[in-house]
């Protein structure tokens, strides 16, 4: 049995070697994709502007582009897929809505709507049991949060009196990749992280806030994305200044989780510019992308190597599998290959 696990570990390390390349799979002009959800190595969903949703069920060999009827002018900034037929998409503002399909995108039903002035949804995430959370920009000084326990069929907004998440003036979330929230752990022992940016940039872990050293202070600065390694031993956060996307100063933070403490790890070579998304591929291998390129780290996020100068908004590893995909401007979806 021990030899078997050693063999699997070797195969995973071989798959994520330091010779990755980006292979373009599909594109569509004038469409920006920021939502990406990869169920397994074959099932890929993405979402974006002009009411667009795109799906593949054969690992990216063929893609089906769908326009959501009645929402042709909406921007779906995040998507969460559960299988080849079931997915949620999130339109960010005025009104903020979440739609669900159970037939592969042929029809959609509205499961959430909020018409309040200032509503702007930024990201959602789920655990494997259908428990989820969506976060949005502050309403009346409080970060917006709603939860679900039934795969998004219904949502419960956090009541004002129960909302402890007071935002600083100018602090909000970025809807750059739908990844500034991460739900890990399980129902009995959840590990929920989300990150803010703007005038202040903070990490919240199970409700407790901690200040970040990621560059902040302006509307274009701050943390954009957070991910947690499979063993819940590390937290990776990326961001920067999207108005100066080649700036490498203070664009990443790596924390190790030591019980209730977070210990900051010494990043030596940061990603090569602003990054809107980060994802753990293994406990030690990570990928990050942004408008100025794509980086990988083979040592837990301490040192990063630029593998492409191409622009992508979001990257994701298969929830059940090893395939890694990216999505971005002009409807571009790509795969990381060796």
Protein backbone atom coordinates (compact mmCIF):
# COMPACT_ATOMS: atom_id res chain seq x y z
CA UNK A 1 0.00 0.00 0.00
CA UNK A 2 2.84 2.41 0.85
CA UNK A 3 4.50 1.79 -2.53
CA UNK A 4 1.16 2.50 -4.23
CA UNK A 5 0.84 5.93 -2.61
CA UNK A 6 4.46 6.74 -3.40
CA UNK A 7 3.72 5.93 -7.03
CA UNK A 8 0.67 8.20 -7.10
CA UNK A 9 2.67 11.06 -5.52
CA UNK A 10 5.38 10.63 -8.17
CA UNK A 11 2.81 10.78 -10.98
CA UNK A 12 1.28 13.97 -9.57
CA UNK A 13 4.68 15.64 -9.30
CA UNK A 14 5.52 14.52 -12.84
CA UNK A 15 2.25 15.94 -14.17
CA UNK A 16 2.93 19.32 -12.58
CA UNK A 17 6.53 19.66 -13.74
CA UNK A 18 8.13 23.07 -14.18
CA UNK A 19 7.78 22.89 -17.99
CA UNK A 20 4.13 23.89 -18.27
CA UNK A 21 2.81 25.62 -21.36
CA UNK A 22 -0.50 27.27 -22.20
CA UNK A 23 -2.56 25.69 -24.99
CA UNK A 24 -5.48 27.76 -26.33
CA UNK A 25 -8.70 25.73 -26.72
CA UNK A 26 -11.37 28.25 -27.77
CA UNK A 27 -12.05 31.96 -28.07
CA UNK A 28 -14.85 34.40 -28.84
CA UNK A 29 -14.19 38.04 -29.68
CA UNK A 30 -15.52 40.81 -27.43
CA UNK A 31 -16.44 38.39 -24.65
CA UNK A 32 -14.68 38.62 -21.27
CA UNK A 33 -14.70 35.44 -19.18
CA UNK A 34 -14.14 35.75 -15.43
CA UNK A 35 -16.12 32.79 -14.11
CA UNK A 36 -14.58 29.32 -14.36
CA UNK A 37 -15.56 26.03 -12.73
CA UNK A 38 -13.93 22.70 -13.57
CA UNK A 39 -15.85 19.70 -12.26
CA UNK A 40 -13.41 17.04 -13.49
CA UNK A 41 -10.92 16.60 -16.30
CA UNK A 42 -13.76 16.57 -18.86
CA UNK A 43 -16.45 18.96 -17.56
CA UNK A 44 -15.60 22.67 -17.86
CA UNK A 45 -17.95 25.63 -17.40
CA UNK A 46 -17.14 29.33 -17.83
CA UNK A 47 -19.18 32.54 -17.77
CA UNK A 48 -18.79 36.17 -18.74
CA UNK A 49 -20.12 39.25 -20.47
CA UNK A 50 -23.09 39.60 -22.83
CA UNK A 51 -24.96 36.82 -21.03
CA UNK A 52 -22.47 34.19 -22.14
CA UNK A 53 -21.94 30.74 -20.67
CA UNK A 54 -19.63 28.19 -22.27
CA UNK A 55 -19.43 24.47 -21.53
CA UNK A 56 -17.35 21.46 -22.54
CA UNK A 57 -17.97 17.86 -21.55
CA UNK A 58 -14.98 16.35 -23.37
CA UNK A 59 -12.02 18.08 -21.75
CA UNK A 60 -12.05 21.08 -24.05
CA UNK A 61 -12.07 19.35 -27.43
CA UNK A 62 -15.42 20.95 -28.17
CA UNK A 63 -17.20 23.89 -26.53
CA UNK A 64 -20.85 24.90 -26.54
CA UNK A 65 -21.48 28.64 -26.29
CA UNK A 66 -24.81 29.62 -24.71
CA UNK A 67 -26.55 32.98 -24.42
CA UNK A 68 -28.81 33.08 -21.36
CA UNK A 69 -32.22 34.22 -22.59
CA UNK A 70 -33.37 37.47 -21.03
CA UNK A 71 -29.90 38.23 -19.69
CA UNK A 72 -28.11 39.07 -22.94
CA UNK A 73 -26.64 42.29 -21.51
CA UNK A 74 -25.57 40.90 -18.14
CA UNK A 75 -22.06 40.13 -16.92
CA UNK A 76 -21.82 36.73 -15.22
CA UNK A 77 -18.68 37.22 -13.13
CA UNK A 78 -18.75 33.82 -11.39
CA UNK A 79 -19.98 30.31 -12.03
CA UNK A 80 -20.17 27.18 -9.87
CA UNK A 81 -20.76 23.85 -11.62
CA UNK A 82 -21.68 20.59 -9.91
CA UNK A 83 -21.85 18.25 -12.92
CA UNK A 84 -22.38 18.32 -16.70
CA UNK A 85 -25.94 19.58 -16.31
CA UNK A 86 -26.06 21.58 -13.08
CA UNK A 87 -24.50 25.01 -12.53
CA UNK A 88 -25.06 28.43 -10.98
CA UNK A 89 -24.14 31.77 -12.55
CA UNK A 90 -23.89 35.13 -10.82
CA UNK A 91 -24.77 38.49 -12.41
CA UNK A 92 -23.18 41.14 -10.29
CA UNK A 93 -25.43 44.22 -10.08
CA UNK A 94 -28.68 46.11 -10.68
CA UNK A 95 -30.27 43.79 -9.93
CA UNK A 96 -27.84 41.27 -8.50
CA UNK A 97 -29.06 37.79 -9.46
CA UNK A 98 -28.02 34.15 -9.29
CA UNK A 99 -29.44 31.72 -11.85
CA UNK A 100 -29.39 27.92 -11.86
CA UNK A 101 -29.58 25.36 -14.64
CA UNK A 102 -30.25 21.65 -14.30
CA UNK A 103 -30.31 20.81 -18.00
CA UNK A 104 -26.87 21.79 -19.24
CA UNK A 105 -27.70 25.47 -19.76
CA UNK A 106 -30.79 25.06 -21.93
CA UNK A 107 -32.99 26.75 -19.31
CA UNK A 108 -32.21 28.81 -16.20
CA UNK A 109 -34.24 29.63 -13.10
CA UNK A 110 -33.64 32.59 -10.78
CA UNK A 111 -32.68 31.49 -7.26
CA UNK A 112 -31.53 34.86 -5.88
CA UNK A 113 -32.27 38.51 -6.56
CA UNK A 114 -31.48 41.77 -4.75
CA UNK A 115 -32.53 45.13 -6.21
CA UNK A 116 -31.07 47.39 -3.56
CA UNK A 117 -28.99 50.36 -4.63
CA UNK A 118 -25.31 49.53 -4.30
CA UNK A 119 -25.73 45.76 -4.56
CA UNK A 120 -22.73 44.19 -6.27
CA UNK A 121 -21.97 40.49 -5.94
CA UNK A 122 -18.34 39.49 -6.29
CA UNK A 123 -17.81 35.75 -5.78
CA UNK A 124 -19.30 32.52 -4.51
CA UNK A 125 -17.92 29.17 -3.43
CA UNK A 126 -19.22 25.79 -2.29
CA UNK A 127 -18.09 22.73 -0.41
CA UNK A 128 -18.71 19.23 -1.72
CA UNK A 129 -21.96 18.92 0.25
CA UNK A 130 -23.73 21.86 -1.37
CA UNK A 131 -23.07 24.41 1.37
CA UNK A 132 -22.17 27.71 -0.21
CA UNK A 133 -21.62 31.41 0.34
CA UNK A 134 -21.78 34.48 -1.87
CA UNK A 135 -20.06 37.75 -0.94
CA UNK A 136 -20.68 41.25 -2.19
CA UNK A 137 -19.62 44.85 -1.75
CA UNK A 138 -20.70 46.71 1.41
CA UNK A 139 -24.32 47.72 1.93
CA UNK A 140 -24.74 50.36 4.65
CA UNK A 141 -21.13 49.79 5.72
CA UNK A 142 -21.41 45.99 6.05
CA UNK A 143 -19.90 43.41 3.68
CA UNK A 144 -22.76 41.56 2.00
CA UNK A 145 -22.98 37.82 2.72
CA UNK A 146 -25.63 35.21 1.86
CA UNK A 147 -25.48 31.45 2.40
CA UNK A 148 -27.08 28.30 1.03
CA UNK A 149 -27.20 24.68 2.17
CA UNK A 150 -28.93 23.15 -0.86
CA UNK A 151 -26.57 23.72 -3.80
CA UNK A 152 -27.90 27.23 -4.35
CA UNK A 153 -31.59 26.39 -4.70
CA UNK A 154 -32.32 29.02 -2.03
CA UNK A 155 -30.25 31.66 -0.23
CA UNK A 156 -30.34 33.25 3.22
CA UNK A 157 -28.97 36.77 3.58
CA UNK A 158 -27.02 37.58 6.71
CA UNK A 159 -29.23 39.87 8.77
CA UNK A 160 -27.91 43.34 9.57
CA UNK A 161 -27.92 42.70 13.33
CA UNK A 162 -25.90 39.50 12.85
CA UNK A 163 -23.45 41.01 10.39
CA UNK A 164 -20.12 41.58 12.12
CA UNK A 165 -18.29 42.39 8.90
CA UNK A 166 -17.97 46.17 9.01
CA UNK A 167 -16.05 47.55 6.03
CA UNK A 168 -13.71 50.51 6.08
CA UNK A 169 -14.61 53.38 3.79
CA UNK A 170 -13.46 52.32 0.33
CA UNK A 171 -12.94 48.66 1.29
CA UNK A 172 -14.74 46.11 -0.87
CA UNK A 173 -14.27 42.92 -2.88
CA UNK A 174 -12.94 42.48 -6.40
CA UNK A 175 -15.09 40.61 -8.93
CA UNK A 176 -12.02 39.87 -11.02
CA UNK A 177 -12.17 36.06 -11.00
CA UNK A 178 -14.85 34.89 -8.60
CA UNK A 179 -12.16 33.59 -6.26
CA UNK A 180 -11.89 35.98 -3.33
CA UNK A 181 -13.75 33.42 -1.21
CA UNK A 182 -12.74 29.83 -0.48
CA UNK A 183 -14.70 27.23 1.48
CA UNK A 184 -12.62 24.30 2.70
CA UNK A 185 -13.01 21.72 5.44
CA UNK A 186 -16.41 20.15 6.02
CA UNK A 187 -19.78 20.91 7.62
CA UNK A 188 -18.64 20.00 11.13
CA UNK A 189 -15.28 21.74 10.78
CA UNK A 190 -15.53 24.50 8.13
CA UNK A 191 -12.59 26.63 7.04
CA UNK A 192 -13.92 29.71 5.25
CA UNK A 193 -11.64 32.45 3.91
CA UNK A 194 -12.33 35.63 1.99
CA UNK A 195 -10.22 38.67 1.14
CA UNK A 196 -10.96 42.36 0.56
CA UNK A 197 -9.19 45.18 -1.22
CA UNK A 198 -9.33 48.89 -1.95
CA UNK A 199 -8.44 51.34 0.81
CA UNK A 200 -7.87 48.38 3.12
CA UNK A 201 -7.03 44.77 2.33
CA UNK A 202 -7.90 42.05 4.82
CA UNK A 203 -8.11 38.29 5.16
CA UNK A 204 -11.06 36.84 7.06
CA UNK A 205 -10.73 33.27 8.37
CA UNK A 206 -13.90 31.86 9.92
CA UNK A 207 -15.00 35.40 10.65
CA UNK A 208 -11.77 36.68 12.20
CA UNK A 209 -10.04 39.49 10.25
CA UNK A 210 -6.32 40.04 9.75
CA UNK A 211 -4.64 42.90 7.93
CA UNK A 212 -2.68 42.12 4.77
CA UNK A 213 0.56 43.60 3.48
CA UNK A 214 -0.66 43.31 -0.11
CA UNK A 215 -0.54 46.75 -1.69
CA UNK A 216 -3.71 48.71 -0.95
CA UNK A 217 -4.98 52.23 -0.47
CA UNK A 218 -6.39 52.91 -3.94
CA UNK A 219 -9.55 51.60 -5.60
CA UNK A 220 -7.43 49.51 -8.00
CA UNK A 221 -5.29 47.88 -5.29
CA UNK A 222 -5.66 45.01 -2.88
CA UNK A 223 -6.17 41.26 -2.61
CA UNK A 224 -8.12 39.69 -5.47
CA UNK A 225 -8.02 35.95 -4.85
CA UNK A 226 -7.50 33.38 -2.09
CA UNK A 227 -7.02 29.62 -2.10
CA UNK A 228 -6.33 27.00 0.56
CA UNK A 229 -4.21 23.90 -0.02
CA UNK A 230 -5.96 20.50 0.11
CA UNK A 231 -4.64 19.72 3.59
CA UNK A 232 -5.62 23.18 4.94
CA UNK A 233 -2.02 23.85 5.90
CA UNK A 234 -1.44 26.90 3.69
CA UNK A 235 -3.31 29.94 2.43
CA UNK A 236 -2.28 31.74 -0.76
CA UNK A 237 -3.46 35.28 -1.57
CA UNK A 238 -2.69 37.31 -4.70
CA UNK A 239 -3.60 40.75 -5.96
CA UNK A 240 -1.72 43.96 -6.64
CA UNK A 241 -2.72 47.01 -8.66
CA UNK A 242 -4.73 46.24 -11.78
CA UNK A 243 -4.05 49.74 -13.10
CA UNK A 244 -0.30 48.95 -13.01
CA UNK A 245 -0.36 45.26 -13.83
CA UNK A 246 3.40 44.69 -14.13
CA UNK A 247 4.08 45.87 -10.57
CA UNK A 248 5.45 43.00 -8.49
CA UNK A 249 5.68 44.76 -5.13
CA UNK A 250 3.39 43.33 -2.44
CA UNK A 251 1.25 41.29 -4.84
CA UNK A 252 1.22 38.03 -2.85
CA UNK A 253 1.07 36.62 0.66
CA UNK A 254 1.51 33.01 1.75
CA UNK A 255 0.46 31.87 5.21
CA UNK A 256 0.97 28.56 6.97
CA UNK A 257 -1.85 27.45 9.26
CA UNK A 258 -0.66 26.50 12.75
CA UNK A 259 -3.76 25.70 14.76
CA UNK A 260 -5.44 29.04 15.35
CA UNK A 261 -2.40 31.01 14.20
CA UNK A 262 -1.43 32.18 10.73
CA UNK A 263 2.32 32.39 10.12
CA UNK A 264 3.50 34.49 7.21
CA UNK A 265 5.87 32.62 4.86
CA UNK A 266 8.83 34.49 3.31
CA UNK A 267 8.09 34.87 -0.40
CA UNK A 268 11.40 35.29 -2.23
CA UNK A 269 10.37 35.64 -5.90
CA UNK A 270 6.82 36.99 -6.35
CA UNK A 271 4.57 36.53 -9.38
CA UNK A 272 5.50 38.81 -12.26
CA UNK A 273 2.79 41.43 -11.84
CA UNK A 274 -0.81 41.92 -10.77
CA UNK A 275 -2.59 38.58 -10.35
CA UNK A 276 -6.37 38.19 -10.19
CA UNK A 277 -6.46 34.47 -9.39
CA UNK A 278 -4.42 31.83 -7.55
CA UNK A 279 -4.99 28.08 -7.20
CA UNK A 280 -3.27 25.22 -5.42
CA UNK A 281 -2.65 22.27 -7.75
CA UNK A 282 -0.99 20.22 -5.00
CA UNK A 283 0.12 21.23 -1.49
CA UNK A 284 3.34 22.61 -3.03
CA UNK A 285 2.45 23.48 -6.65
CA UNK A 286 0.45 26.65 -7.40
CA UNK A 287 -0.62 28.66 -10.42
CA UNK A 288 -1.53 32.35 -10.60
CA UNK A 289 -2.77 34.44 -13.50
CA UNK A 290 -3.59 38.03 -14.35
CA UNK A 291 -3.64 40.52 -17.18
CA UNK A 292 0.18 40.52 -17.42
CA UNK A 293 0.77 36.77 -17.47
CA UNK A 294 0.72 33.37 -15.82
CA UNK A 295 3.11 32.13 -13.12
CA UNK A 296 3.69 28.79 -11.41
CA UNK A 297 5.37 27.94 -8.11
CA UNK A 298 6.80 24.53 -7.29
CA UNK A 299 7.73 25.28 -3.66
CA UNK A 300 4.51 26.27 -1.95
CA UNK A 301 4.39 29.83 -3.28
CA UNK A 302 7.79 31.07 -2.17
CA UNK A 303 9.24 31.38 -5.67
CA UNK A 304 7.36 31.98 -8.91
CA UNK A 305 8.28 31.42 -12.54
CA UNK A 306 6.57 33.17 -15.46
CA UNK A 307 5.35 30.56 -17.97
CA UNK A 308 3.33 32.88 -20.22
CA UNK A 309 2.90 36.58 -20.86
CA UNK A 310 -0.66 36.03 -22.06
CA UNK A 311 -3.56 37.68 -20.24
CA UNK A 312 -6.02 35.54 -18.27
CA UNK A 313 -8.48 36.50 -15.54
CA UNK A 314 -9.07 33.17 -13.83
CA UNK A 315 -7.49 29.74 -13.44
CA UNK A 316 -8.84 26.54 -11.89
CA UNK A 317 -7.87 22.93 -11.29
CA UNK A 318 -10.41 20.16 -11.72
CA UNK A 319 -12.19 19.46 -8.43
CA UNK A 320 -11.92 15.76 -9.20
CA UNK A 321 -8.89 15.38 -11.44
CA UNK A 322 -5.62 16.98 -12.41
CA UNK A 323 -6.45 19.16 -15.44
CA UNK A 324 -5.87 22.92 -15.14
CA UNK A 325 -7.67 25.53 -17.24
CA UNK A 326 -7.63 29.32 -17.62
CA UNK A 327 -10.12 31.85 -19.02
CA UNK A 328 -9.96 35.52 -19.92
CA UNK A 329 -10.59 38.24 -22.48
CA UNK A 330 -11.91 37.56 -25.99
CA UNK A 331 -13.54 34.38 -24.72
CA UNK A 332 -10.22 32.64 -24.42
CA UNK A 333 -10.11 29.31 -22.59
CA UNK A 334 -6.78 27.52 -22.36
CA UNK A 335 -5.31 24.43 -20.76
CA UNK A 336 -2.01 24.02 -18.94
CA UNK A 337 -0.02 21.28 -20.66
CA UNK A 338 3.48 19.84 -20.32
